[in-house]
N, C-alpha and C. Protein backbone atom coordinates (compact mmCIF):
# COMPACT_ATOMS: atom_id res chain seq x y z
N MET A 1 -193.57 -11.92 -31.23
CA MET A 1 -194.57 -11.67 -30.25
C MET A 1 -195.89 -12.31 -30.65
N TYR A 2 -196.30 -12.04 -31.86
CA TYR A 2 -197.63 -12.54 -32.31
C TYR A 2 -197.68 -14.06 -32.30
N THR A 3 -196.52 -14.68 -32.51
CA THR A 3 -196.48 -16.17 -32.51
C THR A 3 -196.90 -16.73 -31.14
N TYR A 4 -196.68 -15.99 -30.09
CA TYR A 4 -196.94 -16.48 -28.76
C TYR A 4 -198.30 -16.05 -28.21
N ILE A 5 -198.95 -15.14 -28.88
CA ILE A 5 -200.24 -14.67 -28.38
C ILE A 5 -201.26 -15.77 -28.38
N ALA A 6 -201.41 -16.50 -29.51
CA ALA A 6 -202.40 -17.55 -29.59
C ALA A 6 -202.15 -18.64 -28.55
N PRO A 7 -200.94 -19.18 -28.43
CA PRO A 7 -200.75 -20.19 -27.39
C PRO A 7 -201.00 -19.69 -25.97
N LEU A 8 -200.66 -18.42 -25.71
CA LEU A 8 -200.95 -17.88 -24.33
C LEU A 8 -202.43 -17.72 -24.13
N VAL A 9 -203.15 -17.30 -25.16
CA VAL A 9 -204.59 -17.14 -25.06
C VAL A 9 -205.21 -18.52 -24.75
N ASN A 10 -204.72 -19.53 -25.42
CA ASN A 10 -205.30 -20.87 -25.18
C ASN A 10 -204.89 -21.38 -23.83
N TYR A 11 -203.62 -21.16 -23.43
CA TYR A 11 -203.14 -21.66 -22.14
C TYR A 11 -203.93 -21.06 -21.01
N PHE A 12 -204.16 -19.74 -21.07
CA PHE A 12 -204.84 -19.00 -20.01
C PHE A 12 -206.37 -19.02 -20.14
N ASP A 13 -206.87 -19.62 -21.24
CA ASP A 13 -208.29 -19.56 -21.53
C ASP A 13 -208.79 -18.12 -21.40
N PHE A 14 -208.04 -17.26 -22.12
CA PHE A 14 -208.25 -15.81 -22.09
C PHE A 14 -209.60 -15.43 -22.60
N TYR A 15 -210.31 -14.64 -21.75
CA TYR A 15 -211.67 -14.16 -22.11
C TYR A 15 -211.55 -13.12 -23.24
N GLY A 16 -212.18 -13.35 -24.38
CA GLY A 16 -212.12 -12.48 -25.46
C GLY A 16 -211.30 -13.04 -26.63
N GLY A 17 -210.54 -14.12 -26.33
CA GLY A 17 -209.87 -14.84 -27.38
C GLY A 17 -208.68 -14.07 -28.03
N ILE A 18 -208.20 -14.67 -29.09
CA ILE A 18 -207.03 -14.12 -29.80
C ILE A 18 -207.34 -12.68 -30.32
N LYS A 19 -208.53 -12.51 -30.78
CA LYS A 19 -208.93 -11.19 -31.35
C LYS A 19 -208.71 -10.09 -30.31
N LEU A 20 -209.19 -10.28 -29.11
CA LEU A 20 -209.09 -9.23 -28.10
C LEU A 20 -207.64 -9.13 -27.59
N ALA A 21 -206.98 -10.24 -27.39
CA ALA A 21 -205.57 -10.21 -26.97
C ALA A 21 -204.73 -9.46 -27.98
N SER A 22 -204.91 -9.73 -29.27
CA SER A 22 -204.12 -9.04 -30.31
C SER A 22 -204.50 -7.56 -30.37
N THR A 23 -205.72 -7.26 -30.18
CA THR A 23 -206.17 -5.85 -30.19
C THR A 23 -205.55 -5.11 -29.02
N LEU A 24 -205.57 -5.67 -27.85
CA LEU A 24 -204.98 -5.05 -26.65
C LEU A 24 -203.46 -4.88 -26.86
N PHE A 25 -202.80 -5.88 -27.39
CA PHE A 25 -201.39 -5.78 -27.71
C PHE A 25 -201.14 -4.65 -28.70
N GLY A 26 -201.95 -4.61 -29.74
CA GLY A 26 -201.81 -3.56 -30.75
C GLY A 26 -202.04 -2.18 -30.21
N ILE A 27 -203.05 -2.01 -29.36
CA ILE A 27 -203.26 -0.72 -28.69
C ILE A 27 -202.04 -0.32 -27.85
N GLY A 28 -201.51 -1.32 -27.16
CA GLY A 28 -200.29 -1.05 -26.36
C GLY A 28 -199.14 -0.59 -27.20
N THR A 29 -198.96 -1.15 -28.42
CA THR A 29 -197.87 -0.72 -29.26
C THR A 29 -198.08 0.72 -29.79
N ILE A 30 -199.32 1.09 -30.01
CA ILE A 30 -199.60 2.48 -30.40
C ILE A 30 -199.29 3.40 -29.26
N ILE A 31 -199.68 3.04 -28.03
CA ILE A 31 -199.38 3.85 -26.88
C ILE A 31 -197.86 3.98 -26.74
N SER A 32 -197.12 2.88 -27.00
CA SER A 32 -195.69 2.90 -26.91
C SER A 32 -195.04 3.87 -27.90
N VAL A 33 -195.54 3.87 -29.14
CA VAL A 33 -195.03 4.77 -30.16
C VAL A 33 -195.25 6.23 -29.75
N VAL A 34 -196.42 6.51 -29.17
CA VAL A 34 -196.72 7.90 -28.75
C VAL A 34 -195.76 8.31 -27.61
N ILE A 35 -195.59 7.41 -26.67
CA ILE A 35 -194.64 7.71 -25.56
C ILE A 35 -193.27 7.95 -26.09
N ALA A 36 -192.79 7.03 -26.92
CA ALA A 36 -191.46 7.13 -27.47
C ALA A 36 -191.27 8.44 -28.25
N ALA A 37 -192.25 8.79 -29.04
CA ALA A 37 -192.13 10.00 -29.83
C ALA A 37 -191.96 11.27 -28.95
N LYS A 38 -192.61 11.23 -27.78
CA LYS A 38 -192.55 12.38 -26.89
C LYS A 38 -191.24 12.48 -26.11
N VAL A 39 -190.64 11.30 -25.77
CA VAL A 39 -189.52 11.37 -24.82
C VAL A 39 -188.20 10.80 -25.33
N VAL A 40 -188.16 10.20 -26.52
CA VAL A 40 -186.95 9.54 -27.00
C VAL A 40 -185.72 10.44 -27.03
N ASP A 41 -185.93 11.70 -27.41
CA ASP A 41 -184.79 12.60 -27.55
C ASP A 41 -184.30 13.14 -26.22
N THR A 42 -185.17 13.22 -25.25
CA THR A 42 -184.82 13.85 -23.95
C THR A 42 -184.57 12.83 -22.82
N HIS A 43 -185.15 11.70 -22.88
CA HIS A 43 -185.07 10.68 -21.84
C HIS A 43 -184.82 9.28 -22.34
N LEU A 44 -183.89 9.09 -23.22
CA LEU A 44 -183.62 7.85 -23.84
C LEU A 44 -183.26 6.73 -22.90
N GLY A 45 -182.32 7.00 -21.99
CA GLY A 45 -181.96 5.95 -20.99
C GLY A 45 -183.08 5.49 -20.16
N PRO A 46 -183.79 6.41 -19.48
CA PRO A 46 -184.96 6.02 -18.70
C PRO A 46 -186.03 5.29 -19.55
N LEU A 47 -186.19 5.70 -20.80
CA LEU A 47 -187.19 5.08 -21.66
C LEU A 47 -186.83 3.59 -21.92
N ILE A 48 -185.55 3.36 -22.18
CA ILE A 48 -185.09 1.98 -22.43
C ILE A 48 -185.31 1.15 -21.15
N ILE A 49 -184.91 1.68 -20.01
CA ILE A 49 -185.09 0.96 -18.75
C ILE A 49 -186.58 0.71 -18.47
N PHE A 50 -187.40 1.71 -18.75
CA PHE A 50 -188.85 1.60 -18.54
C PHE A 50 -189.40 0.44 -19.36
N LYS A 51 -189.06 0.42 -20.64
CA LYS A 51 -189.63 -0.55 -21.56
C LYS A 51 -189.20 -1.95 -21.24
N LEU A 52 -187.90 -2.12 -20.92
CA LEU A 52 -187.43 -3.44 -20.55
C LEU A 52 -188.02 -3.90 -19.23
N SER A 53 -188.06 -3.02 -18.25
CA SER A 53 -188.64 -3.35 -16.95
C SER A 53 -190.12 -3.64 -17.04
N LEU A 54 -190.85 -2.90 -17.90
CA LEU A 54 -192.23 -3.14 -18.09
C LEU A 54 -192.43 -4.54 -18.74
N ALA A 55 -191.58 -4.88 -19.62
CA ALA A 55 -191.70 -6.23 -20.23
C ALA A 55 -191.55 -7.32 -19.15
N LEU A 56 -190.58 -7.14 -18.27
CA LEU A 56 -190.34 -8.08 -17.18
C LEU A 56 -191.56 -8.10 -16.24
N ALA A 57 -192.08 -6.95 -15.86
CA ALA A 57 -193.23 -6.86 -15.00
C ALA A 57 -194.46 -7.54 -15.67
N THR A 58 -194.59 -7.34 -16.95
CA THR A 58 -195.73 -7.95 -17.68
C THR A 58 -195.63 -9.49 -17.64
N MET A 59 -194.41 -10.01 -17.85
CA MET A 59 -194.29 -11.46 -17.78
C MET A 59 -194.57 -11.97 -16.36
N LEU A 60 -194.18 -11.14 -15.36
CA LEU A 60 -194.52 -11.55 -13.97
C LEU A 60 -196.02 -11.55 -13.73
N LEU A 61 -196.73 -10.62 -14.37
CA LEU A 61 -198.20 -10.63 -14.27
C LEU A 61 -198.74 -11.96 -14.85
N PHE A 62 -198.25 -12.35 -16.00
CA PHE A 62 -198.68 -13.63 -16.60
C PHE A 62 -198.41 -14.80 -15.65
N VAL A 63 -197.25 -14.82 -15.05
CA VAL A 63 -196.88 -15.95 -14.13
C VAL A 63 -197.71 -15.96 -12.86
N VAL A 64 -197.78 -14.80 -12.23
CA VAL A 64 -198.45 -14.72 -10.91
C VAL A 64 -199.95 -14.88 -11.00
N PHE A 65 -200.55 -14.24 -11.99
CA PHE A 65 -202.02 -14.23 -12.07
C PHE A 65 -202.57 -15.26 -13.03
N LYS A 66 -201.74 -15.88 -13.84
CA LYS A 66 -202.09 -17.04 -14.68
C LYS A 66 -203.44 -16.88 -15.42
N GLY A 67 -203.61 -15.81 -16.09
CA GLY A 67 -204.77 -15.62 -16.91
C GLY A 67 -205.99 -15.07 -16.20
N MET A 68 -205.81 -14.57 -15.00
CA MET A 68 -206.93 -14.00 -14.26
C MET A 68 -207.59 -12.90 -15.07
N LEU A 69 -208.90 -12.93 -15.12
CA LEU A 69 -209.67 -11.91 -15.84
C LEU A 69 -209.23 -10.50 -15.42
N ILE A 70 -209.22 -9.63 -16.31
CA ILE A 70 -208.79 -8.21 -16.23
C ILE A 70 -207.27 -8.10 -16.11
N VAL A 71 -206.63 -8.85 -15.21
CA VAL A 71 -205.19 -8.74 -15.05
C VAL A 71 -204.50 -9.25 -16.36
N SER A 72 -205.01 -10.31 -16.91
CA SER A 72 -204.45 -10.79 -18.18
C SER A 72 -204.69 -9.83 -19.32
N HIS A 73 -205.83 -9.14 -19.26
CA HIS A 73 -206.12 -8.15 -20.30
C HIS A 73 -205.11 -7.01 -20.19
N ILE A 74 -204.91 -6.55 -18.98
CA ILE A 74 -203.92 -5.49 -18.72
C ILE A 74 -202.54 -5.95 -19.15
N ALA A 75 -202.20 -7.20 -18.88
CA ALA A 75 -200.88 -7.74 -19.21
C ALA A 75 -200.67 -7.70 -20.73
N PHE A 76 -201.66 -8.11 -21.53
CA PHE A 76 -201.52 -8.03 -22.99
C PHE A 76 -201.31 -6.60 -23.46
N LEU A 77 -202.02 -5.65 -22.88
CA LEU A 77 -201.88 -4.26 -23.23
C LEU A 77 -200.42 -3.78 -22.89
N LEU A 78 -200.01 -4.09 -21.69
CA LEU A 78 -198.65 -3.69 -21.21
C LEU A 78 -197.56 -4.34 -22.01
N TRP A 79 -197.82 -5.56 -22.46
CA TRP A 79 -196.83 -6.23 -23.31
C TRP A 79 -196.62 -5.45 -24.59
N GLY A 80 -197.72 -4.98 -25.15
CA GLY A 80 -197.64 -4.12 -26.36
C GLY A 80 -196.91 -2.84 -26.08
N VAL A 81 -197.17 -2.25 -24.94
CA VAL A 81 -196.46 -0.97 -24.59
C VAL A 81 -194.93 -1.28 -24.43
N SER A 82 -194.60 -2.37 -23.85
CA SER A 82 -193.19 -2.68 -23.72
C SER A 82 -192.49 -3.03 -24.96
N PHE A 83 -193.19 -3.56 -25.97
CA PHE A 83 -192.61 -4.00 -27.19
C PHE A 83 -192.59 -2.94 -28.29
N GLY A 84 -193.63 -2.17 -28.39
CA GLY A 84 -193.75 -1.19 -29.45
C GLY A 84 -192.61 -0.18 -29.45
N ALA A 85 -192.16 0.23 -30.62
CA ALA A 85 -191.18 1.23 -30.85
C ALA A 85 -189.76 0.81 -30.39
N LEU A 86 -189.54 -0.42 -30.03
CA LEU A 86 -188.22 -0.82 -29.57
C LEU A 86 -187.13 -0.56 -30.61
N VAL A 87 -187.38 -0.92 -31.86
CA VAL A 87 -186.36 -0.72 -32.90
C VAL A 87 -186.00 0.73 -33.00
N THR A 88 -186.96 1.61 -32.98
CA THR A 88 -186.70 3.05 -33.06
C THR A 88 -185.87 3.52 -31.89
N ILE A 89 -186.22 3.06 -30.70
CA ILE A 89 -185.48 3.44 -29.52
C ILE A 89 -184.03 2.95 -29.53
N PHE A 90 -183.87 1.71 -29.95
CA PHE A 90 -182.50 1.18 -30.03
C PHE A 90 -181.71 1.91 -31.10
N GLN A 91 -182.35 2.28 -32.19
CA GLN A 91 -181.61 3.03 -33.23
C GLN A 91 -181.21 4.41 -32.73
N ALA A 92 -182.09 5.01 -31.95
CA ALA A 92 -181.73 6.29 -31.37
C ALA A 92 -180.54 6.18 -30.41
N ALA A 93 -180.50 5.05 -29.66
CA ALA A 93 -179.37 4.81 -28.75
C ALA A 93 -178.09 4.64 -29.55
N VAL A 94 -178.17 3.91 -30.65
CA VAL A 94 -176.98 3.66 -31.45
C VAL A 94 -176.48 4.97 -32.08
N THR A 95 -177.37 5.79 -32.61
CA THR A 95 -176.95 7.05 -33.26
C THR A 95 -176.29 7.97 -32.23
N LYS A 96 -176.66 7.87 -30.98
CA LYS A 96 -176.02 8.70 -29.96
C LYS A 96 -174.60 8.27 -29.67
N GLN A 97 -174.28 7.02 -30.02
CA GLN A 97 -172.96 6.46 -29.65
C GLN A 97 -171.92 6.71 -30.71
N VAL A 98 -172.34 7.04 -31.94
CA VAL A 98 -171.34 7.15 -33.02
C VAL A 98 -171.34 8.55 -33.58
N GLU A 99 -170.17 9.03 -33.94
CA GLU A 99 -170.03 10.34 -34.59
C GLU A 99 -170.17 10.29 -36.07
N THR A 100 -169.52 9.28 -36.67
CA THR A 100 -169.60 9.09 -38.13
C THR A 100 -170.12 7.68 -38.37
N GLY A 101 -170.62 7.46 -39.59
CA GLY A 101 -171.11 6.15 -39.96
C GLY A 101 -172.44 5.76 -39.36
N LYS A 102 -173.26 6.73 -39.10
CA LYS A 102 -174.56 6.46 -38.47
C LYS A 102 -175.41 5.51 -39.29
N ASP A 103 -175.33 5.60 -40.66
CA ASP A 103 -176.07 4.73 -41.50
C ASP A 103 -175.63 3.27 -41.34
N VAL A 104 -174.37 3.07 -41.25
CA VAL A 104 -173.81 1.72 -41.05
C VAL A 104 -174.18 1.22 -39.67
N ALA A 105 -174.06 2.07 -38.68
CA ALA A 105 -174.36 1.67 -37.29
C ALA A 105 -175.83 1.25 -37.13
N THR A 106 -176.73 2.05 -37.72
CA THR A 106 -178.14 1.69 -37.59
C THR A 106 -178.49 0.47 -38.43
N SER A 107 -177.82 0.26 -39.50
CA SER A 107 -178.00 -0.96 -40.33
C SER A 107 -177.54 -2.20 -39.53
N LEU A 108 -176.42 -2.03 -38.88
CA LEU A 108 -175.95 -3.18 -38.03
C LEU A 108 -176.89 -3.44 -36.86
N GLN A 109 -177.36 -2.37 -36.25
CA GLN A 109 -178.31 -2.53 -35.12
C GLN A 109 -179.57 -3.21 -35.61
N SER A 110 -180.13 -2.78 -36.73
CA SER A 110 -181.36 -3.35 -37.25
C SER A 110 -181.16 -4.83 -37.63
N SER A 111 -179.97 -5.16 -38.24
CA SER A 111 -179.69 -6.54 -38.57
C SER A 111 -179.53 -7.37 -37.29
N THR A 112 -178.86 -6.84 -36.28
CA THR A 112 -178.70 -7.56 -35.06
C THR A 112 -180.02 -7.78 -34.37
N PHE A 113 -180.91 -6.81 -34.37
CA PHE A 113 -182.19 -6.92 -33.79
C PHE A 113 -182.99 -8.03 -34.45
N ASN A 114 -182.97 -8.02 -35.80
CA ASN A 114 -183.71 -9.02 -36.60
C ASN A 114 -183.09 -10.43 -36.36
N PHE A 115 -181.77 -10.51 -36.28
CA PHE A 115 -181.13 -11.79 -35.97
C PHE A 115 -181.59 -12.27 -34.60
N GLY A 116 -181.70 -11.38 -33.64
CA GLY A 116 -182.21 -11.73 -32.28
C GLY A 116 -183.62 -12.28 -32.36
N ILE A 117 -184.44 -11.72 -33.26
CA ILE A 117 -185.80 -12.24 -33.46
C ILE A 117 -185.75 -13.64 -33.97
N VAL A 118 -184.84 -13.90 -34.96
CA VAL A 118 -184.66 -15.24 -35.52
C VAL A 118 -184.32 -16.26 -34.41
N LEU A 119 -183.29 -15.87 -33.62
CA LEU A 119 -182.86 -16.78 -32.53
C LEU A 119 -183.97 -17.00 -31.51
N GLY A 120 -184.67 -15.86 -31.16
CA GLY A 120 -185.73 -15.99 -30.20
C GLY A 120 -186.89 -16.84 -30.74
N SER A 121 -187.17 -16.73 -32.01
CA SER A 121 -188.23 -17.52 -32.59
C SER A 121 -187.84 -18.99 -32.62
N ALA A 122 -186.58 -19.27 -32.91
CA ALA A 122 -186.15 -20.68 -32.92
C ALA A 122 -186.21 -21.27 -31.52
N LEU A 123 -185.74 -20.50 -30.54
CA LEU A 123 -185.78 -20.97 -29.13
C LEU A 123 -187.27 -21.13 -28.71
N GLY A 124 -188.09 -20.18 -29.06
CA GLY A 124 -189.53 -20.29 -28.71
C GLY A 124 -190.14 -21.46 -29.33
N GLY A 125 -189.80 -21.74 -30.58
CA GLY A 125 -190.33 -22.91 -31.30
C GLY A 125 -189.93 -24.22 -30.60
N LEU A 126 -188.68 -24.26 -30.16
CA LEU A 126 -188.20 -25.45 -29.45
C LEU A 126 -188.98 -25.64 -28.16
N ILE A 127 -189.19 -24.52 -27.44
CA ILE A 127 -189.95 -24.62 -26.17
C ILE A 127 -191.33 -25.04 -26.44
N LEU A 128 -192.01 -24.50 -27.46
CA LEU A 128 -193.38 -24.85 -27.75
C LEU A 128 -193.50 -26.33 -28.18
N ASP A 129 -192.51 -26.78 -28.93
CA ASP A 129 -192.54 -28.18 -29.37
C ASP A 129 -192.28 -29.18 -28.24
N ASN A 130 -191.53 -28.78 -27.22
CA ASN A 130 -191.10 -29.71 -26.21
C ASN A 130 -191.71 -29.50 -24.84
N SER A 131 -192.46 -28.42 -24.67
CA SER A 131 -193.10 -28.17 -23.36
C SER A 131 -194.27 -27.23 -23.55
N SER A 132 -194.45 -26.36 -22.57
CA SER A 132 -195.62 -25.44 -22.57
C SER A 132 -195.21 -24.03 -22.88
N VAL A 133 -196.15 -23.24 -23.43
CA VAL A 133 -195.93 -21.90 -23.67
C VAL A 133 -195.61 -21.13 -22.38
N PHE A 134 -196.03 -21.64 -21.30
CA PHE A 134 -195.80 -21.03 -19.96
C PHE A 134 -194.28 -20.87 -19.72
N TYR A 135 -193.50 -21.82 -20.17
CA TYR A 135 -192.00 -21.74 -20.03
C TYR A 135 -191.40 -20.67 -20.81
N ILE A 136 -192.05 -20.25 -21.90
CA ILE A 136 -191.52 -19.12 -22.70
C ILE A 136 -191.51 -17.87 -21.83
N ILE A 137 -192.51 -17.73 -20.96
CA ILE A 137 -192.55 -16.58 -20.11
C ILE A 137 -191.30 -16.53 -19.17
N PHE A 138 -190.95 -17.67 -18.63
CA PHE A 138 -189.74 -17.74 -17.75
C PHE A 138 -188.49 -17.46 -18.50
N VAL A 139 -188.33 -17.99 -19.70
CA VAL A 139 -187.18 -17.73 -20.50
C VAL A 139 -187.10 -16.25 -20.87
N THR A 140 -188.26 -15.67 -21.20
CA THR A 140 -188.29 -14.21 -21.51
C THR A 140 -187.85 -13.39 -20.28
N MET A 141 -188.33 -13.76 -19.11
CA MET A 141 -187.90 -13.00 -17.92
C MET A 141 -186.36 -13.14 -17.70
N ALA A 142 -185.87 -14.34 -17.87
CA ALA A 142 -184.43 -14.52 -17.68
C ALA A 142 -183.63 -13.72 -18.68
N LEU A 143 -184.10 -13.71 -19.93
CA LEU A 143 -183.40 -12.99 -20.96
C LEU A 143 -183.50 -11.44 -20.83
N LEU A 144 -184.50 -10.99 -20.08
CA LEU A 144 -184.65 -9.52 -19.90
C LEU A 144 -183.74 -9.00 -18.78
N VAL A 145 -183.33 -9.86 -17.88
CA VAL A 145 -182.52 -9.38 -16.77
C VAL A 145 -181.21 -8.76 -17.19
N VAL A 146 -180.52 -9.36 -18.14
CA VAL A 146 -179.23 -8.85 -18.60
C VAL A 146 -179.35 -7.46 -19.22
N PRO A 147 -180.23 -7.24 -20.19
CA PRO A 147 -180.36 -5.89 -20.73
C PRO A 147 -180.81 -4.84 -19.76
N ILE A 148 -181.61 -5.25 -18.79
CA ILE A 148 -182.05 -4.29 -17.74
C ILE A 148 -180.83 -3.86 -16.94
N LEU A 149 -180.04 -4.82 -16.50
CA LEU A 149 -178.83 -4.50 -15.71
C LEU A 149 -177.85 -3.68 -16.54
N LEU A 150 -177.62 -4.03 -17.79
CA LEU A 150 -176.76 -3.26 -18.68
C LEU A 150 -177.28 -1.83 -18.84
N SER A 151 -178.58 -1.71 -19.01
CA SER A 151 -179.17 -0.33 -19.19
C SER A 151 -178.98 0.50 -17.96
N PHE A 152 -179.14 -0.10 -16.79
CA PHE A 152 -178.90 0.65 -15.54
C PHE A 152 -177.47 1.03 -15.44
N SER A 153 -176.54 0.15 -15.77
CA SER A 153 -175.13 0.46 -15.64
C SER A 153 -174.60 1.47 -16.63
N LYS A 154 -175.28 1.62 -17.76
CA LYS A 154 -174.85 2.49 -18.87
C LYS A 154 -175.81 3.68 -19.01
N LYS A 155 -176.58 3.93 -18.00
CA LYS A 155 -177.64 4.98 -18.10
C LYS A 155 -177.05 6.31 -18.56
N ARG A 156 -175.87 6.70 -18.09
CA ARG A 156 -175.32 7.96 -18.45
C ARG A 156 -174.99 8.10 -19.93
N ILE A 157 -174.73 6.97 -20.57
CA ILE A 157 -174.45 6.96 -22.02
C ILE A 157 -175.67 7.51 -22.80
N PHE A 158 -176.88 7.16 -22.36
CA PHE A 158 -178.06 7.47 -23.08
C PHE A 158 -178.67 8.86 -22.76
N SER A 159 -178.05 9.55 -21.87
CA SER A 159 -178.61 10.88 -21.46
C SER A 159 -178.23 11.98 -22.42
């Protein structure tokens, strides 16, 4: 995430610069942790759908409003809300799925999540090297569609 903040700030000529964008993103992650702490045990499925859908909506804000003052500030904050506490939420989902071997299951989930970050970083680097950071937003939106649809289809599993 942080790798893409600076290029987005420059691309959108974001008022307040990298410092404000990072601060808004960070505040969003704190808000996310507070929300997750309150509802992860009782509303896991809706929380997952909310966070993934919010990420998609945030990327749409970046595309539609292209750095418009205030909207882009809100988008950086919402991006943090959508991203913060994801690992914890996914680990909670994994532990609900297994009866035994929870340690192994959460280790595999964490490793898979980190591997996804590696792949995403590599893809993002290729996009940044060969085109504009703006295309990362479109790739992100495309990649969010599948987990959103899966989360809707498996909502009963997380209840």
